[in-house]
Amino acid sequence: TLARGYSVTTATDGNVLKKVKQVKAGEMLTTRLEDGWIESEVKNIQPVKKSRKKVH
């Protein structure tokens, strides 16, 4: 919940962001916090490489 320190970020279309591929550099985002909103502009997108799980 927001009161526990979590936030919810949405794109300009109102969709909740779950993956970096949902946004592009230059787009505006809205982040909802417990006590208000923050508007941000995407400057850079850095995907995280998935690590391979070793099979034992």
PDB file of N, CA and C in Angstrom:
ATOM      1  N   THR A   1       0.833  -1.189   0.000  1.00  0.00           N
ATOM      2  CA  THR A   1       0.000   0.000   0.000  1.00  0.00           C
ATOM      3  C   THR A   1       0.871   1.243   0.000  1.00  0.00           C
ATOM      4  N   LEU A   2       0.259   2.352  -0.369  1.00  0.00           N
ATOM      5  CA  LEU A   2       1.008   3.601  -0.425  1.00  0.00           C
ATOM      6  C   LEU A   2       1.521   4.016   0.955  1.00  0.00           C
ATOM      7  N   ALA A   3       0.763   3.738   1.994  1.00  0.00           N
ATOM      8  CA  ALA A   3       1.168   4.110   3.352  1.00  0.00           C
ATOM      9  C   ALA A   3       2.408   3.349   3.816  1.00  0.00           C
ATOM     10  N   ARG A   4       2.690   2.215   3.204  1.00  0.00           N
ATOM     11  CA  ARG A   4       3.860   1.408   3.589  1.00  0.00           C
ATOM     12  C   ARG A   4       5.102   1.788   2.802  1.00  0.00           C
ATOM     13  N   GLY A   5       4.989   2.772   1.898  1.00  0.00           N
ATOM     14  CA  GLY A   5       6.153   3.222   1.154  1.00  0.00           C
ATOM     15  C   GLY A   5       6.163   2.843  -0.306  1.00  0.00           C
ATOM     16  N   TYR A   6       5.136   2.158  -0.758  1.00  0.00           N
ATOM     17  CA  TYR A   6       5.047   1.802  -2.166  1.00  0.00           C
ATOM     18  C   TYR A   6       4.529   2.984  -2.967  1.00  0.00           C
ATOM     19  N   SER A   7       4.701   2.929  -4.285  1.00  0.00           N
ATOM     20  CA  SER A   7       4.155   3.948  -5.172  1.00  0.00           C
ATOM     21  C   SER A   7       3.573   3.260  -6.397  1.00  0.00           C
ATOM     22  N   VAL A   8       2.755   4.008  -7.136  1.00  0.00           N
ATOM     23  CA  VAL A   8       2.167   3.498  -8.373  1.00  0.00           C
ATOM     24  C   VAL A   8       2.482   4.507  -9.464  1.00  0.00           C
ATOM     25  N   THR A   9       3.137   4.056 -10.535  1.00  0.00           N
ATOM     26  CA  THR A   9       3.498   4.940 -11.637  1.00  0.00           C
ATOM     27  C   THR A   9       2.663   4.603 -12.855  1.00  0.00           C
ATOM     28  N   THR A  10       2.111   5.649 -13.483  1.00  0.00           N
ATOM     29  CA  THR A  10       1.288   5.465 -14.676  1.00  0.00           C
ATOM     30  C   THR A  10       1.841   6.272 -15.839  1.00  0.00           C
ATOM     31  N   ALA A  11       1.584   5.762 -17.042  1.00  0.00           N
ATOM     32  CA  ALA A  11       1.956   6.461 -18.272  1.00  0.00           C
ATOM     33  C   ALA A  11       0.881   7.504 -18.579  1.00  0.00           C
ATOM     34  N   THR A  12       1.097   8.279 -19.627  1.00  0.00           N
ATOM     35  CA  THR A  12       0.138   9.324 -19.986  1.00  0.00           C
ATOM     36  C   THR A  12      -1.226   8.760 -20.360  1.00  0.00           C
ATOM     37  N   ASP A  13      -1.273   7.503 -20.799  1.00  0.00           N
ATOM     38  CA  ASP A  13      -2.557   6.880 -21.142  1.00  0.00           C
ATOM     39  C   ASP A  13      -3.288   6.353 -19.911  1.00  0.00           C
ATOM     40  N   GLY A  14      -2.683   6.493 -18.724  1.00  0.00           N
ATOM     41  CA  GLY A  14      -3.313   6.063 -17.489  1.00  0.00           C
ATOM     42  C   GLY A  14      -3.011   4.635 -17.088  1.00  0.00           C
ATOM     43  N   ASN A  15      -2.316   3.887 -17.944  1.00  0.00           N
ATOM     44  CA  ASN A  15      -1.988   2.499 -17.614  1.00  0.00           C
ATOM     45  C   ASN A  15      -0.869   2.430 -16.582  1.00  0.00           C
ATOM     46  N   VAL A  16      -1.021   1.526 -15.622  1.00  0.00           N
ATOM     47  CA  VAL A  16       0.006   1.303 -14.606  1.00  0.00           C
ATOM     48  C   VAL A  16       1.212   0.659 -15.270  1.00  0.00           C
ATOM     49  N   LEU A  17       2.402   1.174 -14.970  1.00  0.00           N
ATOM     50  CA  LEU A  17       3.623   0.649 -15.572  1.00  0.00           C
ATOM     51  C   LEU A  17       4.109  -0.580 -14.827  1.00  0.00           C
ATOM     52  N   LYS A  18       4.417  -1.621 -15.605  1.00  0.00           N
ATOM     53  CA  LYS A  18       4.960  -2.853 -15.050  1.00  0.00           C
ATOM     54  C   LYS A  18       6.286  -3.218 -15.698  1.00  0.00           C
ATOM     55  N   LYS A  19       6.518  -2.719 -16.931  1.00  0.00           N
ATOM     56  CA  LYS A  19       7.737  -3.059 -17.671  1.00  0.00           C
ATOM     57  C   LYS A  19       8.285  -1.811 -18.357  1.00  0.00           C
ATOM     58  N   VAL A  20       9.620  -1.771 -18.519  1.00  0.00           N
ATOM     59  CA  VAL A  20      10.249  -0.608 -19.145  1.00  0.00           C
ATOM     60  C   VAL A  20       9.829  -0.438 -20.597  1.00  0.00           C
ATOM     61  N   LYS A  21       9.421  -1.518 -21.247  1.00  0.00           N
ATOM     62  CA  LYS A  21       9.034  -1.415 -22.653  1.00  0.00           C
ATOM     63  C   LYS A  21       7.723  -0.642 -22.847  1.00  0.00           C
ATOM     64  N   GLN A  22       7.053  -0.282 -21.762  1.00  0.00           N
ATOM     65  CA  GLN A  22       5.812   0.472 -21.852  1.00  0.00           C
ATOM     66  C   GLN A  22       6.043   1.967 -22.060  1.00  0.00           C
ATOM     67  N   VAL A  23       7.291   2.435 -21.920  1.00  0.00           N
ATOM     68  CA  VAL A  23       7.563   3.865 -22.040  1.00  0.00           C
ATOM     69  C   VAL A  23       8.716   4.131 -22.993  1.00  0.00           C
ATOM     70  N   LYS A  24       8.793   5.390 -23.431  1.00  0.00           N
ATOM     71  CA  LYS A  24       9.869   5.837 -24.309  1.00  0.00           C
ATOM     72  C   LYS A  24      10.472   7.103 -23.718  1.00  0.00           C
ATOM     73  N   ALA A  25      11.731   7.358 -24.048  1.00  0.00           N
ATOM     74  CA  ALA A  25      12.394   8.578 -23.599  1.00  0.00           C
ATOM     75  C   ALA A  25      11.577   9.782 -24.042  1.00  0.00           C
ATOM     76  N   GLY A  26      11.447  10.751 -23.160  1.00  0.00           N
ATOM     77  CA  GLY A  26      10.701  11.965 -23.450  1.00  0.00           C
ATOM     78  C   GLY A  26       9.264  11.935 -22.955  1.00  0.00           C
ATOM     79  N   GLU A  27       8.747  10.760 -22.634  1.00  0.00           N
ATOM     80  CA  GLU A  27       7.374  10.661 -22.154  1.00  0.00           C
ATOM     81  C   GLU A  27       7.275  11.144 -20.712  1.00  0.00           C
ATOM     82  N   MET A  28       6.087  11.588 -20.345  1.00  0.00           N
ATOM     83  CA  MET A  28       5.817  12.028 -18.984  1.00  0.00           C
ATOM     84  C   MET A  28       5.142  10.901 -18.216  1.00  0.00           C
ATOM     85  N   LEU A  29       5.521  10.751 -16.945  1.00  0.00           N
ATOM     86  CA  LEU A  29       4.942   9.742 -16.069  1.00  0.00           C
ATOM     87  C   LEU A  29       4.372  10.429 -14.836  1.00  0.00           C
ATOM     88  N   THR A  30       3.372   9.798 -14.234  1.00  0.00           N
ATOM     89  CA  THR A  30       2.814  10.277 -12.978  1.00  0.00           C
ATOM     90  C   THR A  30       2.996   9.189 -11.934  1.00  0.00           C
ATOM     91  N   THR A  31       3.586   9.549 -10.803  1.00  0.00           N
ATOM     92  CA  THR A  31       3.794   8.602  -9.712  1.00  0.00           C
ATOM     93  C   THR A  31       2.949   9.032  -8.527  1.00  0.00           C
ATOM     94  N   ARG A  32       2.116   8.109  -8.053  1.00  0.00           N
ATOM     95  CA  ARG A  32       1.240   8.363  -6.904  1.00  0.00           C
ATOM     96  C   ARG A  32       1.937   7.865  -5.647  1.00  0.00           C
ATOM     97  N   LEU A  33       2.071   8.748  -4.673  1.00  0.00           N
ATOM     98  CA  LEU A  33       2.644   8.422  -3.373  1.00  0.00           C
ATOM     99  C   LEU A  33       1.558   8.578  -2.311  1.00  0.00           C
ATOM    100  N   GLU A  34       1.888   8.278  -1.083  1.00  0.00           N
ATOM    101  CA  GLU A  34       0.897   8.372  -0.007  1.00  0.00           C
ATOM    102  C   GLU A  34       0.292   9.772   0.096  1.00  0.00           C
ATOM    103  N   ASP A  35       1.121  10.802  -0.063  1.00  0.00           N
ATOM    104  CA  ASP A  35       0.649  12.161   0.184  1.00  0.00           C
ATOM    105  C   ASP A  35       0.559  13.048  -1.054  1.00  0.00           C
ATOM    106  N   GLY A  36       0.606  12.454  -2.260  1.00  0.00           N
ATOM    107  CA  GLY A  36       0.482  13.279  -3.460  1.00  0.00           C
ATOM    108  C   GLY A  36       1.006  12.599  -4.704  1.00  0.00           C
ATOM    109  N   TRP A  37       1.262  13.409  -5.742  1.00  0.00           N
ATOM    110  CA  TRP A  37       1.705  12.913  -7.038  1.00  0.00           C
ATOM    111  C   TRP A  37       3.006  13.592  -7.425  1.00  0.00           C
ATOM    112  N   ILE A  38       3.788  12.889  -8.236  1.00  0.00           N
ATOM    113  CA  ILE A  38       5.004  13.450  -8.825  1.00  0.00           C
ATOM    114  C   ILE A  38       4.904  13.243 -10.327  1.00  0.00           C
ATOM    115  N   GLU A  39       5.183  14.298 -11.095  1.00  0.00           N
ATOM    116  CA  GLU A  39       5.251  14.161 -12.546  1.00  0.00           C
ATOM    117  C   GLU A  39       6.719  14.121 -12.941  1.00  0.00           C
ATOM    118  N   SER A  40       7.075  13.171 -13.808  1.00  0.00           N
ATOM    119  CA  SER A  40       8.470  12.974 -14.209  1.00  0.00           C
ATOM    120  C   SER A  40       8.565  12.817 -15.715  1.00  0.00           C
ATOM    121  N   GLU A  41       9.710  13.205 -16.265  1.00  0.00           N
ATOM    122  CA  GLU A  41       9.989  12.973 -17.679  1.00  0.00           C
ATOM    123  C   GLU A  41      11.029  11.863 -17.783  1.00  0.00           C
ATOM    124  N   VAL A  42      10.777  10.903 -18.665  1.00  0.00           N
ATOM    125  CA  VAL A  42      11.702   9.791 -18.871  1.00  0.00           C
ATOM    126  C   VAL A  42      12.918  10.308 -19.630  1.00  0.00           C
ATOM    127  N   LYS A  43      14.086  10.171 -19.047  1.00  0.00           N
ATOM    128  CA  LYS A  43      15.337  10.588 -19.681  1.00  0.00           C
ATOM    129  C   LYS A  43      16.075   9.402 -20.277  1.00  0.00           C
ATOM    130  N   ASN A  44      16.055   8.278 -19.568  1.00  0.00           N
ATOM    131  CA  ASN A  44      16.807   7.108 -19.989  1.00  0.00           C
ATOM    132  C   ASN A  44      16.056   5.861 -19.543  1.00  0.00           C
ATOM    133  N   ILE A  45      16.151   4.811 -20.334  1.00  0.00           N
ATOM    134  CA  ILE A  45      15.524   3.534 -19.999  1.00  0.00           C
ATOM    135  C   ILE A  45      16.616   2.486 -19.957  1.00  0.00           C
ATOM    136  N   GLN A  46      16.711   1.777 -18.852  1.00  0.00           N
ATOM    137  CA  GLN A  46      17.763   0.786 -18.661  1.00  0.00           C
ATOM    138  C   GLN A  46      17.143  -0.563 -18.299  1.00  0.00           C
ATOM    139  N   PRO A  47      16.930  -1.450 -19.281  1.00  0.00           N
ATOM    140  CA  PRO A  47      16.390  -2.775 -18.954  1.00  0.00           C
ATOM    141  C   PRO A  47      17.397  -3.590 -18.144  1.00  0.00           C
ATOM    142  N   VAL A  48      16.883  -4.457 -17.298  1.00  0.00           N
ATOM    143  CA  VAL A  48      17.719  -5.364 -16.515  1.00  0.00           C
ATOM    144  C   VAL A  48      17.807  -6.678 -17.270  1.00  0.00           C
ATOM    145  N   LYS A  49      19.033  -7.159 -17.441  1.00  0.00           N
ATOM    146  CA  LYS A  49      19.213  -8.437 -18.129  1.00  0.00           C
ATOM    147  C   LYS A  49      18.770  -9.562 -17.221  1.00  0.00           C
ATOM    148  N   LYS A  50      18.001 -10.482 -17.784  1.00  0.00           N
ATOM    149  CA  LYS A  50      17.567 -11.645 -17.014  1.00  0.00           C
ATOM    150  C   LYS A  50      18.737 -12.596 -16.862  1.00  0.00           C
ATOM    151  N   SER A  51      18.901 -13.104 -15.649  1.00  0.00           N
ATOM    152  CA  SER A  51      19.968 -14.077 -15.427  1.00  0.00           C
ATOM    153  C   SER A  51      19.423 -15.473 -15.682  1.00  0.00           C
ATOM    154  N   ARG A  52      20.265 -16.308 -16.221  1.00  0.00           N
ATOM    155  CA  ARG A  52      19.860 -17.692 -16.479  1.00  0.00           C
ATOM    156  C   ARG A  52      19.947 -18.483 -15.188  1.00  0.00           C
ATOM    157  N   LYS A  53      18.942 -19.289 -14.953  1.00  0.00           N
ATOM    158  CA  LYS A  53      18.973 -20.168 -13.787  1.00  0.00           C
ATOM    159  C   LYS A  53      19.719 -21.432 -14.165  1.00  0.00           C
ATOM    160  N   LYS A  54      20.621 -21.847 -13.296  1.00  0.00           N
ATOM    161  CA  LYS A  54      21.380 -23.070 -13.546  1.00  0.00           C
ATOM    162  C   LYS A  54      20.532 -24.274 -13.174  1.00  0.00           C
ATOM    163  N   VAL A  55      20.544 -25.266 -14.037  1.00  0.00           N
ATOM    164  CA  VAL A  55      19.829 -26.505 -13.770  1.00  0.00           C
ATOM    165  C   VAL A  55      20.797 -27.472 -13.115  1.00  0.00           C
ATOM    166  N   HIS A  56      20.428 -27.999 -11.976  1.00  0.00           N
ATOM    167  CA  HIS A  56      21.314 -28.920 -11.241  1.00  0.00           C
ATOM    168  C   HIS A  56      20.921 -30.339 -11.511  1.00  0.00           C
TER     169      HIS A  56
END
